[in-house]
N, C-alpha and C. Protein backbone atom coordinates (compact mmCIF):
# COMPACT_ATOMS: atom_id res chain seq x y z
N MET A 1 -7.94 -14.54 -10.09
CA MET A 1 -7.43 -13.13 -9.65
C MET A 1 -7.14 -12.49 -10.93
N LEU A 2 -7.33 -11.06 -11.02
CA LEU A 2 -7.21 -10.38 -12.05
C LEU A 2 -6.43 -9.15 -11.59
N LYS A 3 -5.62 -8.55 -12.60
CA LYS A 3 -4.94 -7.44 -12.38
C LYS A 3 -5.88 -6.34 -13.20
N THR A 4 -6.01 -5.05 -12.75
CA THR A 4 -6.96 -4.30 -13.38
C THR A 4 -6.68 -2.87 -12.86
N ILE A 5 -7.54 -1.85 -13.09
CA ILE A 5 -7.54 -0.53 -12.77
C ILE A 5 -8.51 -0.01 -11.72
N LYS A 6 -8.42 0.85 -10.97
CA LYS A 6 -9.36 1.39 -10.09
C LYS A 6 -10.10 2.49 -10.40
N GLU A 7 -9.29 3.35 -11.25
CA GLU A 7 -9.90 4.85 -11.45
C GLU A 7 -9.56 5.20 -13.08
N GLU A 8 -10.35 6.12 -13.47
CA GLU A 8 -10.19 6.71 -14.94
C GLU A 8 -8.96 7.62 -14.75
N GLN A 9 -8.33 7.88 -15.86
CA GLN A 9 -7.39 8.67 -16.13
C GLN A 9 -7.19 9.24 -17.47
N ILE A 10 -6.54 10.10 -17.99
CA ILE A 10 -6.31 10.75 -19.36
C ILE A 10 -5.09 11.31 -19.42
N ALA A 11 -4.63 11.34 -20.61
CA ALA A 11 -3.06 11.38 -20.86
C ALA A 11 -3.15 11.93 -22.21
N GLU A 12 -2.21 12.86 -22.50
CA GLU A 12 -2.33 13.85 -23.90
C GLU A 12 -0.81 13.62 -24.21
N LEU A 13 -0.73 13.45 -25.79
CA LEU A 13 0.45 13.16 -26.46
C LEU A 13 0.32 14.20 -27.84
N GLU A 14 1.33 14.65 -28.27
CA GLU A 14 1.28 15.72 -29.57
C GLU A 14 2.34 15.19 -30.39
N GLU A 15 2.02 14.76 -31.74
CA GLU A 15 3.06 14.50 -32.63
C GLU A 15 2.88 14.89 -34.02
N LYS A 16 3.72 15.74 -34.42
CA LYS A 16 3.65 16.51 -35.71
C LYS A 16 2.07 17.46 -35.71
N LYS A 17 1.80 17.71 -34.74
CA LYS A 17 0.66 18.76 -34.78
C LYS A 17 -0.47 18.01 -34.66
N SER A 18 -0.51 16.59 -34.57
CA SER A 18 -1.83 15.74 -34.22
C SER A 18 -1.88 15.69 -32.78
N LYS A 19 -2.99 15.88 -32.16
CA LYS A 19 -3.08 15.77 -30.79
C LYS A 19 -3.83 14.43 -30.42
N PHE A 20 -3.52 13.76 -29.55
CA PHE A 20 -3.94 12.27 -29.20
C PHE A 20 -4.36 12.40 -27.70
N ILE A 21 -5.67 12.09 -27.28
CA ILE A 21 -5.92 12.24 -26.03
C ILE A 21 -6.46 10.83 -25.67
N ALA A 22 -5.56 10.31 -24.59
CA ALA A 22 -5.76 8.83 -24.40
C ALA A 22 -6.67 8.87 -23.13
N GLN A 23 -7.67 8.06 -22.78
CA GLN A 23 -8.45 7.72 -21.65
C GLN A 23 -8.56 6.38 -21.29
N ILE A 24 -8.36 5.95 -20.06
CA ILE A 24 -8.51 4.78 -19.62
C ILE A 24 -9.49 4.67 -18.61
N TYR A 25 -10.25 3.46 -18.65
CA TYR A 25 -11.47 3.29 -17.70
C TYR A 25 -11.46 1.78 -17.21
N PRO A 26 -11.85 1.68 -16.05
CA PRO A 26 -12.34 0.25 -15.43
C PRO A 26 -13.80 -0.07 -15.99
N VAL A 27 -13.80 -1.30 -16.49
CA VAL A 27 -14.84 -1.52 -17.16
C VAL A 27 -15.41 -3.16 -16.77
N GLN A 28 -16.78 -3.61 -16.56
CA GLN A 28 -16.96 -4.84 -16.53
C GLN A 28 -17.83 -5.42 -17.35
N LYS A 29 -18.57 -4.58 -18.20
CA LYS A 29 -19.54 -5.24 -19.29
C LYS A 29 -19.27 -4.24 -20.51
N GLU A 30 -19.68 -4.97 -21.71
CA GLU A 30 -19.36 -4.53 -22.92
C GLU A 30 -20.41 -3.34 -23.04
N GLU A 31 -21.46 -3.42 -22.32
CA GLU A 31 -22.49 -2.14 -22.41
C GLU A 31 -21.87 -1.03 -21.94
N GLN A 32 -20.97 -1.08 -20.92
CA GLN A 32 -20.41 0.20 -20.36
C GLN A 32 -19.30 0.66 -21.39
N VAL A 33 -18.57 -0.11 -22.34
CA VAL A 33 -18.10 0.24 -23.42
C VAL A 33 -18.58 1.14 -24.35
N LYS A 34 -19.86 0.60 -24.62
CA LYS A 34 -20.84 1.32 -25.60
C LYS A 34 -21.17 2.92 -25.09
N ASP A 35 -21.27 2.91 -23.85
CA ASP A 35 -21.89 4.20 -23.28
C ASP A 35 -20.81 5.25 -23.21
N ILE A 36 -19.32 4.67 -22.83
CA ILE A 36 -18.17 5.71 -22.76
C ILE A 36 -17.77 6.16 -24.14
N LEU A 37 -17.78 5.10 -25.23
CA LEU A 37 -17.67 5.66 -26.36
C LEU A 37 -18.44 6.63 -26.97
N GLN A 38 -19.52 6.57 -26.60
CA GLN A 38 -20.72 7.46 -27.11
C GLN A 38 -20.39 8.92 -26.42
N LYS A 39 -20.21 8.94 -25.07
CA LYS A 39 -20.05 10.23 -24.37
C LYS A 39 -18.65 10.86 -24.86
N ILE A 40 -17.62 10.02 -25.25
CA ILE A 40 -16.49 10.50 -25.66
C ILE A 40 -16.72 11.21 -26.99
N LYS A 41 -17.36 10.57 -27.78
CA LYS A 41 -17.82 11.12 -29.31
C LYS A 41 -18.55 12.59 -29.19
N GLN A 42 -19.43 12.53 -28.42
CA GLN A 42 -20.18 13.48 -27.92
C GLN A 42 -18.94 14.92 -27.63
N LYS A 43 -18.17 14.45 -26.46
CA LYS A 43 -17.27 15.37 -25.93
C LYS A 43 -16.32 16.04 -27.15
N TYR A 44 -15.87 15.27 -27.78
CA TYR A 44 -14.80 15.51 -28.93
C TYR A 44 -15.49 15.36 -30.35
N LYS A 45 -16.45 16.32 -30.49
CA LYS A 45 -17.06 16.15 -31.87
C LYS A 45 -16.08 16.46 -32.96
N GLY A 46 -15.15 17.28 -32.75
CA GLY A 46 -14.22 17.84 -34.01
C GLY A 46 -12.84 16.91 -34.30
N ALA A 47 -13.26 15.73 -33.48
CA ALA A 47 -11.95 14.71 -33.53
C ALA A 47 -12.40 13.88 -34.90
N ARG A 48 -11.23 13.33 -35.56
CA ARG A 48 -11.50 12.47 -36.74
C ARG A 48 -11.58 11.01 -36.32
N HIS A 49 -11.17 10.62 -35.15
CA HIS A 49 -10.84 9.18 -34.76
C HIS A 49 -10.90 9.00 -33.36
N HIS A 50 -11.56 8.18 -32.96
CA HIS A 50 -11.83 7.51 -31.49
C HIS A 50 -11.35 6.03 -31.50
N CYS A 51 -10.15 5.60 -31.48
CA CYS A 51 -9.75 4.23 -31.44
C CYS A 51 -9.54 3.72 -30.19
N PHE A 52 -9.88 2.57 -30.08
CA PHE A 52 -10.17 1.83 -28.68
C PHE A 52 -9.67 0.19 -28.85
N ALA A 53 -9.39 -0.14 -27.52
CA ALA A 53 -9.09 -1.45 -27.24
C ALA A 53 -9.84 -1.84 -26.02
N TYR A 54 -10.06 -3.15 -25.76
CA TYR A 54 -10.50 -3.43 -24.31
C TYR A 54 -10.10 -4.96 -24.06
N ARG A 55 -9.88 -5.28 -22.83
CA ARG A 55 -9.93 -6.75 -22.46
C ARG A 55 -10.89 -6.95 -21.09
N LEU A 56 -11.87 -7.92 -21.47
CA LEU A 56 -12.71 -8.18 -20.27
C LEU A 56 -13.03 -9.69 -20.18
N LEU A 57 -12.96 -10.03 -18.78
CA LEU A 57 -13.06 -11.32 -18.35
C LEU A 57 -14.53 -11.51 -18.14
N LYS A 58 -15.21 -12.27 -18.69
CA LYS A 58 -16.65 -12.44 -18.44
C LYS A 58 -17.05 -13.86 -18.17
N GLU A 59 -17.53 -14.41 -17.08
CA GLU A 59 -17.76 -15.72 -16.73
C GLU A 59 -16.57 -16.56 -17.13
N GLU A 60 -15.29 -16.18 -16.86
CA GLU A 60 -13.94 -16.99 -17.17
C GLU A 60 -13.76 -17.05 -18.76
N GLN A 61 -14.46 -16.18 -19.49
CA GLN A 61 -13.95 -16.09 -20.71
C GLN A 61 -13.50 -14.72 -21.20
N LEU A 62 -12.18 -14.66 -21.86
CA LEU A 62 -11.53 -13.58 -22.13
C LEU A 62 -12.17 -12.97 -23.48
N ILE A 63 -12.56 -11.83 -23.36
CA ILE A 63 -12.93 -11.00 -24.54
C ILE A 63 -12.04 -9.97 -24.92
N GLU A 64 -11.43 -9.90 -26.08
CA GLU A 64 -10.51 -8.67 -26.58
C GLU A 64 -10.97 -8.33 -27.69
N LYS A 65 -11.12 -6.95 -27.92
CA LYS A 65 -11.83 -6.42 -29.18
C LYS A 65 -10.91 -5.05 -29.34
N SER A 66 -10.76 -4.44 -30.53
CA SER A 66 -9.96 -3.21 -30.86
C SER A 66 -10.59 -2.38 -32.15
N SER A 67 -10.45 -1.33 -32.10
CA SER A 67 -11.00 -0.72 -33.39
C SER A 67 -10.02 0.35 -33.84
N ASP A 68 -9.70 0.48 -35.14
CA ASP A 68 -8.92 1.61 -35.67
C ASP A 68 -9.80 2.87 -36.05
N ASP A 69 -11.19 2.71 -36.09
CA ASP A 69 -12.03 3.78 -36.43
C ASP A 69 -11.42 4.67 -37.59
N GLY A 70 -11.32 4.10 -38.64
CA GLY A 70 -10.88 4.74 -40.10
C GLY A 70 -9.50 4.92 -40.09
N GLU A 71 -8.65 4.65 -39.17
CA GLU A 71 -7.06 4.97 -39.55
C GLU A 71 -6.90 3.54 -40.24
N PRO A 72 -5.49 3.51 -40.82
CA PRO A 72 -5.04 2.37 -41.52
C PRO A 72 -5.02 1.19 -40.62
N THR A 73 -5.64 0.04 -41.18
CA THR A 73 -5.75 -1.29 -40.40
C THR A 73 -4.61 -1.40 -39.71
N GLY A 74 -4.78 -1.80 -38.27
CA GLY A 74 -3.58 -2.26 -37.29
C GLY A 74 -2.78 -1.28 -36.79
N THR A 75 -2.84 -0.09 -37.13
CA THR A 75 -2.23 1.12 -36.91
C THR A 75 -2.66 1.81 -35.50
N ALA A 76 -3.95 1.60 -35.06
CA ALA A 76 -4.64 2.17 -33.75
C ALA A 76 -4.82 1.29 -32.79
N GLY A 77 -6.00 0.68 -33.21
CA GLY A 77 -6.64 -0.41 -32.12
C GLY A 77 -5.73 -1.40 -31.72
N GLN A 78 -4.84 -2.02 -32.50
CA GLN A 78 -3.86 -3.03 -32.12
C GLN A 78 -2.81 -2.50 -31.14
N PRO A 79 -2.24 -1.36 -31.58
CA PRO A 79 -1.14 -1.13 -30.66
C PRO A 79 -1.73 -0.67 -29.10
N ILE A 80 -2.70 -0.34 -29.02
CA ILE A 80 -3.51 0.11 -27.82
C ILE A 80 -3.72 -1.40 -26.97
N LEU A 81 -4.28 -2.27 -27.95
CA LEU A 81 -4.42 -3.63 -27.18
C LEU A 81 -3.15 -4.44 -26.64
N ASN A 82 -2.19 -4.03 -27.60
CA ASN A 82 -0.87 -4.81 -27.20
C ASN A 82 -0.49 -4.36 -26.07
N TYR A 83 -0.51 -2.93 -25.38
CA TYR A 83 -0.11 -2.46 -24.22
C TYR A 83 -1.05 -3.08 -23.14
N LEU A 84 -2.18 -3.27 -23.43
CA LEU A 84 -3.30 -3.78 -22.35
C LEU A 84 -2.78 -5.27 -22.08
N LYS A 85 -2.31 -6.08 -23.28
CA LYS A 85 -1.81 -7.32 -22.96
C LYS A 85 -0.58 -7.42 -22.39
N GLY A 86 0.28 -6.30 -22.82
CA GLY A 86 1.70 -6.39 -21.89
C GLY A 86 1.68 -6.03 -20.49
N TRP A 87 0.75 -5.30 -20.08
CA TRP A 87 0.47 -4.91 -18.84
C TRP A 87 -0.26 -5.89 -18.13
N GLU A 88 -0.93 -7.01 -18.84
CA GLU A 88 -1.78 -8.20 -18.18
C GLU A 88 -2.89 -7.46 -17.46
N LEU A 89 -3.41 -6.44 -18.22
CA LEU A 89 -4.76 -5.83 -17.56
C LEU A 89 -6.06 -6.23 -18.24
N LEU A 90 -6.91 -6.63 -17.21
CA LEU A 90 -8.31 -7.11 -17.59
C LEU A 90 -9.32 -6.10 -17.02
N ASN A 91 -10.69 -6.23 -17.65
CA ASN A 91 -11.56 -5.17 -17.41
C ASN A 91 -11.32 -3.87 -17.47
N VAL A 92 -10.61 -3.48 -18.36
CA VAL A 92 -9.87 -2.18 -18.76
C VAL A 92 -10.11 -1.63 -20.35
N LEU A 93 -10.63 -0.68 -20.39
CA LEU A 93 -10.96 0.00 -21.83
C LEU A 93 -10.00 1.32 -21.83
N VAL A 94 -9.23 1.51 -22.96
CA VAL A 94 -8.53 2.22 -23.35
C VAL A 94 -8.98 3.04 -24.70
N VAL A 95 -9.34 4.27 -24.64
CA VAL A 95 -10.06 5.40 -25.99
C VAL A 95 -8.72 6.29 -26.13
N VAL A 96 -8.38 6.18 -27.60
CA VAL A 96 -7.47 7.26 -28.00
C VAL A 96 -8.28 8.18 -28.91
N THR A 97 -8.38 9.37 -28.61
CA THR A 97 -8.95 10.42 -29.42
C THR A 97 -8.11 10.96 -30.24
N ARG A 98 -7.98 11.22 -31.72
CA ARG A 98 -7.13 12.03 -32.40
C ARG A 98 -7.63 13.16 -32.97
N PHE A 99 -7.00 14.43 -32.94
CA PHE A 99 -7.33 15.50 -33.74
C PHE A 99 -6.15 15.82 -34.74
N PHE A 100 -6.53 15.37 -35.93
CA PHE A 100 -5.54 15.49 -36.95
C PHE A 100 -4.87 17.08 -37.11
N GLY A 101 -3.63 17.08 -37.39
CA GLY A 101 -2.76 18.23 -37.29
C GLY A 101 -2.47 18.64 -38.76
N GLY A 102 -2.64 18.01 -39.66
CA GLY A 102 -2.55 18.50 -41.01
C GLY A 102 -1.37 17.77 -41.51
N ILE A 103 -0.67 17.13 -40.89
CA ILE A 103 0.89 16.18 -41.16
C ILE A 103 0.44 14.82 -41.14
N LEU A 104 0.63 14.08 -42.19
CA LEU A 104 0.62 12.67 -42.28
C LEU A 104 1.58 11.96 -41.44
N LEU A 105 1.26 11.03 -40.57
CA LEU A 105 2.53 10.38 -39.78
C LEU A 105 3.03 9.11 -40.46
N GLY A 106 2.14 8.47 -41.19
CA GLY A 106 2.51 7.27 -41.83
C GLY A 106 2.03 6.00 -40.95
N THR A 107 2.34 4.95 -41.45
CA THR A 107 1.49 3.85 -40.54
C THR A 107 2.69 3.38 -39.28
N GLY A 108 4.00 3.77 -39.50
CA GLY A 108 4.77 3.35 -38.38
C GLY A 108 4.66 4.65 -37.35
N GLY A 109 4.53 5.96 -37.67
CA GLY A 109 4.31 6.90 -36.87
C GLY A 109 2.93 6.77 -36.09
N LEU A 110 1.82 6.45 -36.82
CA LEU A 110 0.68 6.25 -36.01
C LEU A 110 0.62 5.07 -35.04
N THR A 111 1.48 4.16 -35.39
CA THR A 111 1.30 2.79 -34.51
C THR A 111 2.00 3.32 -33.48
N LYS A 112 3.12 4.16 -33.52
CA LYS A 112 4.08 4.41 -32.09
C LYS A 112 3.16 5.27 -31.39
N ALA A 113 2.39 6.57 -32.05
CA ALA A 113 1.68 7.49 -31.49
C ALA A 113 0.63 7.01 -30.82
N TYR A 114 -0.08 5.98 -31.34
CA TYR A 114 -1.34 5.36 -30.44
C TYR A 114 -0.94 4.55 -29.38
N GLY A 115 0.22 3.64 -29.62
CA GLY A 115 0.82 2.82 -28.40
C GLY A 115 1.36 3.64 -27.35
N ASP A 116 2.03 4.71 -27.69
CA ASP A 116 2.63 5.55 -26.52
C ASP A 116 1.54 6.10 -25.87
N SER A 117 0.51 6.58 -26.31
CA SER A 117 -0.70 7.38 -25.67
C SER A 117 -1.17 6.29 -24.82
N ALA A 118 -1.57 5.17 -25.30
CA ALA A 118 -2.03 4.20 -24.14
C ALA A 118 -1.13 3.81 -23.17
N LYS A 119 0.08 4.02 -23.30
CA LYS A 119 1.11 3.62 -22.41
C LYS A 119 1.03 4.88 -21.42
N LYS A 120 0.87 6.04 -21.55
CA LYS A 120 0.96 7.18 -21.13
C LYS A 120 -0.33 7.12 -19.89
N ALA A 121 -1.46 6.65 -20.52
CA ALA A 121 -2.64 6.73 -19.64
C ALA A 121 -2.58 5.40 -18.65
N ILE A 122 -2.01 4.50 -18.99
CA ILE A 122 -1.81 3.21 -18.36
C ILE A 122 -0.95 3.75 -17.18
N GLU A 123 0.04 4.18 -17.39
CA GLU A 123 1.01 4.72 -16.33
C GLU A 123 0.68 5.56 -15.37
N LYS A 124 -0.51 6.46 -15.52
CA LYS A 124 -0.83 7.46 -14.75
C LYS A 124 -1.92 6.95 -13.77
N THR A 125 -2.51 5.51 -14.12
CA THR A 125 -3.79 5.30 -13.25
C THR A 125 -3.13 4.34 -12.05
N LYS A 126 -4.12 3.84 -11.09
CA LYS A 126 -3.57 3.25 -10.15
C LYS A 126 -4.11 1.67 -10.60
N ILE A 127 -3.13 0.64 -10.47
CA ILE A 127 -3.32 -0.80 -10.77
C ILE A 127 -3.63 -1.64 -9.54
N VAL A 128 -4.58 -2.31 -9.65
CA VAL A 128 -4.91 -3.08 -8.43
C VAL A 128 -5.36 -4.51 -8.82
N TYR A 129 -5.52 -5.33 -7.85
CA TYR A 129 -5.75 -6.92 -8.08
C TYR A 129 -7.29 -7.09 -7.48
N GLN A 130 -7.94 -7.95 -8.26
CA GLN A 130 -9.35 -8.25 -7.78
C GLN A 130 -9.49 -9.63 -8.08
N ASP A 131 -10.69 -10.03 -7.34
CA ASP A 131 -11.16 -11.51 -7.51
C ASP A 131 -12.46 -11.18 -7.33
N TRP A 132 -13.25 -12.29 -7.95
CA TRP A 132 -14.61 -12.57 -7.73
C TRP A 132 -15.42 -12.59 -6.41
N GLY A 133 -16.27 -11.68 -6.09
CA GLY A 133 -16.70 -11.94 -4.76
C GLY A 133 -18.18 -11.25 -4.50
N TYR A 134 -18.41 -11.27 -3.33
CA TYR A 134 -19.70 -10.86 -2.75
C TYR A 134 -19.90 -9.48 -2.18
N ILE A 135 -20.66 -8.63 -2.36
CA ILE A 135 -21.16 -7.62 -1.66
C ILE A 135 -22.24 -7.99 -0.72
N VAL A 136 -21.94 -7.91 0.51
CA VAL A 136 -22.92 -8.22 1.62
C VAL A 136 -23.51 -7.27 2.48
N GLU A 137 -24.63 -6.93 2.67
CA GLU A 137 -25.24 -6.16 3.59
C GLU A 137 -25.39 -6.97 4.93
N VAL A 138 -24.92 -6.53 6.04
CA VAL A 138 -25.05 -7.13 7.35
C VAL A 138 -25.62 -5.97 8.28
N GLU A 139 -26.31 -6.75 9.27
CA GLU A 139 -26.74 -5.88 10.40
C GLU A 139 -26.34 -6.67 11.46
N ILE A 140 -25.94 -5.54 12.44
CA ILE A 140 -25.31 -6.26 13.62
C ILE A 140 -25.46 -5.35 14.79
N SER A 141 -25.45 -5.90 16.07
CA SER A 141 -25.47 -4.98 17.24
C SER A 141 -24.22 -3.86 17.52
N TYR A 142 -24.39 -2.93 18.29
CA TYR A 142 -23.36 -2.14 18.56
C TYR A 142 -22.36 -3.12 19.36
N ALA A 143 -22.73 -3.82 20.32
CA ALA A 143 -21.79 -4.59 21.23
C ALA A 143 -21.03 -5.52 20.37
N ASN A 144 -21.51 -6.00 19.44
CA ASN A 144 -20.87 -7.03 18.47
C ASN A 144 -20.04 -6.48 17.33
N PHE A 145 -20.35 -5.17 16.77
CA PHE A 145 -19.60 -4.64 15.86
C PHE A 145 -17.98 -4.60 15.87
N GLN A 146 -17.35 -4.56 17.13
CA GLN A 146 -16.08 -4.65 17.04
C GLN A 146 -15.61 -5.96 16.73
N ASN A 147 -16.24 -6.93 17.06
CA ASN A 147 -15.65 -8.31 16.61
C ASN A 147 -15.80 -8.45 15.19
N LEU A 148 -16.73 -7.90 14.52
CA LEU A 148 -16.90 -7.86 13.06
C LEU A 148 -15.70 -7.22 12.76
N GLU A 149 -15.46 -5.98 13.00
CA GLU A 149 -14.40 -5.11 12.56
C GLU A 149 -13.01 -5.96 12.73
N TYR A 150 -12.81 -6.68 13.83
CA TYR A 150 -11.39 -7.32 14.07
C TYR A 150 -11.54 -8.59 13.06
N GLU A 151 -12.70 -9.25 12.97
CA GLU A 151 -12.52 -10.45 12.01
C GLU A 151 -12.30 -9.91 10.54
N ALA A 152 -12.94 -8.92 10.37
CA ALA A 152 -12.87 -8.40 8.73
C ALA A 152 -11.41 -7.98 8.51
N LYS A 153 -10.86 -6.97 9.39
CA LYS A 153 -9.50 -6.76 9.39
C LYS A 153 -8.36 -7.90 9.02
N LYS A 154 -8.58 -8.84 10.09
CA LYS A 154 -7.86 -10.14 9.89
C LYS A 154 -7.70 -10.66 8.51
N ARG A 155 -8.92 -10.71 8.12
CA ARG A 155 -9.30 -11.63 6.54
C ARG A 155 -9.05 -10.38 5.35
N LYS A 156 -8.77 -9.08 5.70
CA LYS A 156 -8.91 -7.96 4.65
C LYS A 156 -10.13 -8.05 3.91
N TRP A 157 -11.20 -8.14 4.61
CA TRP A 157 -12.66 -7.52 4.20
C TRP A 157 -12.87 -6.24 4.16
N ASN A 158 -13.17 -5.55 3.16
CA ASN A 158 -13.35 -4.19 3.23
C ASN A 158 -14.78 -3.87 3.85
N ILE A 159 -14.99 -3.04 4.86
CA ILE A 159 -16.18 -2.61 5.43
C ILE A 159 -16.73 -1.36 5.07
N GLN A 160 -17.82 -0.98 4.34
CA GLN A 160 -18.18 0.18 3.70
C GLN A 160 -19.53 0.53 4.01
N ASN A 161 -20.06 1.92 3.73
CA ASN A 161 -21.56 2.27 3.70
C ASN A 161 -21.96 1.89 5.01
N LYS A 162 -21.47 2.40 6.30
CA LYS A 162 -21.89 2.07 7.42
C LYS A 162 -23.16 3.22 7.77
N THR A 163 -24.27 2.53 8.45
CA THR A 163 -25.29 3.43 8.85
C THR A 163 -25.76 3.03 10.33
N TYR A 164 -25.89 3.99 11.27
CA TYR A 164 -26.40 3.77 12.51
C TYR A 164 -27.67 4.15 12.86
N SER A 165 -28.61 2.91 13.58
CA SER A 165 -29.72 3.33 13.99
C SER A 165 -29.81 2.21 15.21
N GLU A 166 -30.95 1.45 15.10
CA GLU A 166 -31.09 0.56 16.37
C GLU A 166 -29.89 -0.52 16.45
N ASN A 167 -29.55 -0.81 15.24
CA ASN A 167 -28.13 -1.58 15.02
C ASN A 167 -27.37 -0.94 14.08
N ILE A 168 -26.23 -1.55 13.73
CA ILE A 168 -25.54 -1.05 12.82
C ILE A 168 -25.55 -1.88 11.49
N LYS A 169 -25.64 -1.25 10.64
CA LYS A 169 -25.86 -1.68 9.08
C LYS A 169 -24.48 -1.42 8.15
N ALA A 170 -24.01 -2.30 7.70
CA ALA A 170 -22.80 -2.02 6.77
C ALA A 170 -22.80 -2.93 5.51
N GLU A 171 -21.82 -2.85 4.73
CA GLU A 171 -21.56 -3.63 3.52
C GLU A 171 -20.07 -4.25 3.44
N LEU A 172 -20.14 -5.49 3.49
CA LEU A 172 -18.77 -6.08 3.59
C LEU A 172 -18.36 -6.58 1.90
N GLU A 173 -17.33 -6.68 1.59
CA GLU A 173 -16.87 -7.06 0.35
C GLU A 173 -15.81 -8.34 0.77
N ILE A 174 -16.51 -9.72 0.40
CA ILE A 174 -15.87 -10.96 0.72
C ILE A 174 -15.64 -11.68 -0.65
N PRO A 175 -14.26 -12.12 -0.88
CA PRO A 175 -13.90 -12.81 -1.91
C PRO A 175 -14.86 -14.03 -1.66
N LYS A 176 -14.99 -14.64 -2.93
CA LYS A 176 -15.88 -15.69 -2.95
C LYS A 176 -15.37 -17.15 -2.48
N LYS A 177 -14.14 -17.07 -2.28
CA LYS A 177 -13.20 -18.26 -1.95
C LYS A 177 -13.18 -18.23 -0.42
N MET A 178 -13.77 -17.01 0.11
CA MET A 178 -13.80 -17.02 1.48
C MET A 178 -15.12 -16.97 2.08
N TRP A 179 -16.09 -17.44 1.48
CA TRP A 179 -17.46 -17.30 1.89
C TRP A 179 -17.84 -18.19 2.91
N LYS A 180 -17.23 -19.58 2.86
CA LYS A 180 -17.38 -20.33 3.84
C LYS A 180 -16.81 -19.86 5.11
N ASP A 181 -15.77 -19.17 5.12
CA ASP A 181 -15.23 -18.41 6.18
C ASP A 181 -16.16 -17.62 7.05
N PHE A 182 -16.76 -16.77 6.21
CA PHE A 182 -17.99 -15.81 6.59
C PHE A 182 -18.93 -16.58 7.38
N THR A 183 -19.67 -17.57 6.52
CA THR A 183 -21.00 -18.16 7.21
C THR A 183 -20.50 -19.07 8.59
N ASN A 184 -19.13 -19.50 8.42
CA ASN A 184 -18.58 -20.22 9.78
C ASN A 184 -18.74 -19.18 10.85
N LEU A 185 -18.05 -18.26 10.83
CA LEU A 185 -18.20 -17.03 11.72
C LEU A 185 -19.31 -16.62 12.37
N ASN A 186 -20.45 -16.52 11.26
CA ASN A 186 -21.70 -16.37 11.99
C ASN A 186 -22.36 -17.26 12.41
N SER A 187 -22.31 -18.55 12.01
CA SER A 187 -22.91 -19.80 12.75
C SER A 187 -22.41 -20.06 14.02
N ASN A 188 -21.04 -19.88 14.09
CA ASN A 188 -20.63 -20.26 15.41
C ASN A 188 -20.66 -18.90 16.19
N LYS A 189 -21.41 -18.02 16.07
CA LYS A 189 -21.60 -16.88 16.63
C LYS A 189 -20.26 -15.93 17.09
N THR A 190 -19.38 -16.05 16.27
CA THR A 190 -18.13 -15.35 16.60
C THR A 190 -18.14 -13.84 16.29
N ILE A 191 -19.13 -13.56 15.36
CA ILE A 191 -19.52 -12.22 15.06
C ILE A 191 -21.08 -11.85 15.33
N LYS A 192 -21.87 -12.81 15.48
CA LYS A 192 -23.27 -12.59 15.86
C LYS A 192 -24.18 -11.49 15.25
N LEU A 193 -24.09 -11.94 13.79
CA LEU A 193 -25.22 -10.91 12.91
C LEU A 193 -26.42 -11.12 13.20
N GLU A 194 -27.25 -9.87 13.24
CA GLU A 194 -28.57 -10.06 13.32
C GLU A 194 -29.18 -10.79 12.07
N LYS A 195 -28.67 -10.30 10.93
CA LYS A 195 -28.88 -10.93 9.69
C LYS A 195 -27.91 -10.17 8.69
N TYR A 196 -28.05 -11.10 7.45
CA TYR A 196 -27.23 -10.69 6.17
C TYR A 196 -28.00 -11.03 5.02
N ASP A 197 -27.63 -10.04 4.05
CA ASP A 197 -28.12 -10.21 2.66
C ASP A 197 -27.21 -9.99 1.61
N VAL A 198 -26.98 -11.02 0.52
CA VAL A 198 -26.04 -10.97 -0.63
C VAL A 198 -26.73 -9.88 -1.63
N LEU A 199 -26.05 -8.59 -1.67
CA LEU A 199 -26.59 -7.67 -2.67
C LEU A 199 -26.21 -7.74 -4.08
N GLU A 200 -24.98 -8.31 -4.17
CA GLU A 200 -24.38 -8.46 -5.46
C GLU A 200 -23.00 -9.22 -5.60
N GLU A 201 -22.87 -9.77 -6.88
CA GLU A 201 -21.77 -10.56 -7.17
C GLU A 201 -20.59 -9.61 -7.98
N LYS A 202 -19.60 -9.58 -7.99
CA LYS A 202 -18.90 -8.66 -8.69
C LYS A 202 -17.27 -8.93 -8.45
N PHE A 203 -16.48 -8.14 -9.11
CA PHE A 203 -15.18 -8.38 -9.01
C PHE A 203 -14.77 -7.31 -7.83
N ILE A 204 -13.98 -7.64 -6.71
CA ILE A 204 -13.82 -7.06 -5.61
C ILE A 204 -12.25 -6.78 -5.56
N ASP A 205 -11.79 -5.69 -4.80
CA ASP A 205 -10.29 -5.42 -4.57
C ASP A 205 -9.90 -6.55 -3.38
N ILE A 206 -8.75 -6.90 -3.63
CA ILE A 206 -8.13 -7.90 -2.60
C ILE A 206 -6.78 -7.38 -2.28
């Protein structure tokens, strides 16, 4: 189980005429980090620095990275990373863009400004808990769908993307540790699925 965020957020801070724009993102791959950084640099072309930090859990391996992006060593990326660690957040990226205001802040001032910017962004977003699980597409008759809803609600499995035709198709989010529970329900005909397919393995809300 991990503590992460559900949505992007943005927060701003001004210190001695320098403007700091902190943006926080849920991410699951380093490729996403690269894409986000590229978009931010395109959006804020006039900014001198785009400092960042992220923490990722990849196949039970923790990846932590940070960048000062031209600021004095340890004054930007590390303070951002420290806040991610302090909040025990995983699969999260924080990017703080700085527009220089003409007044030097010094190493202490920079460290505080970047840290405070990250903190503001974290405090604005919604924190959730996730675990590794499956996205499963199920097909079920109208007559049995109520049983599926009952069993899913009891186990806190999220049902989404419902479509209606001859049968009902929907997607279930099932934690990996409850997979046997799901297959048992189907095999003993408690929910009587017409068929099911695993679409994806990913971190899901719990």
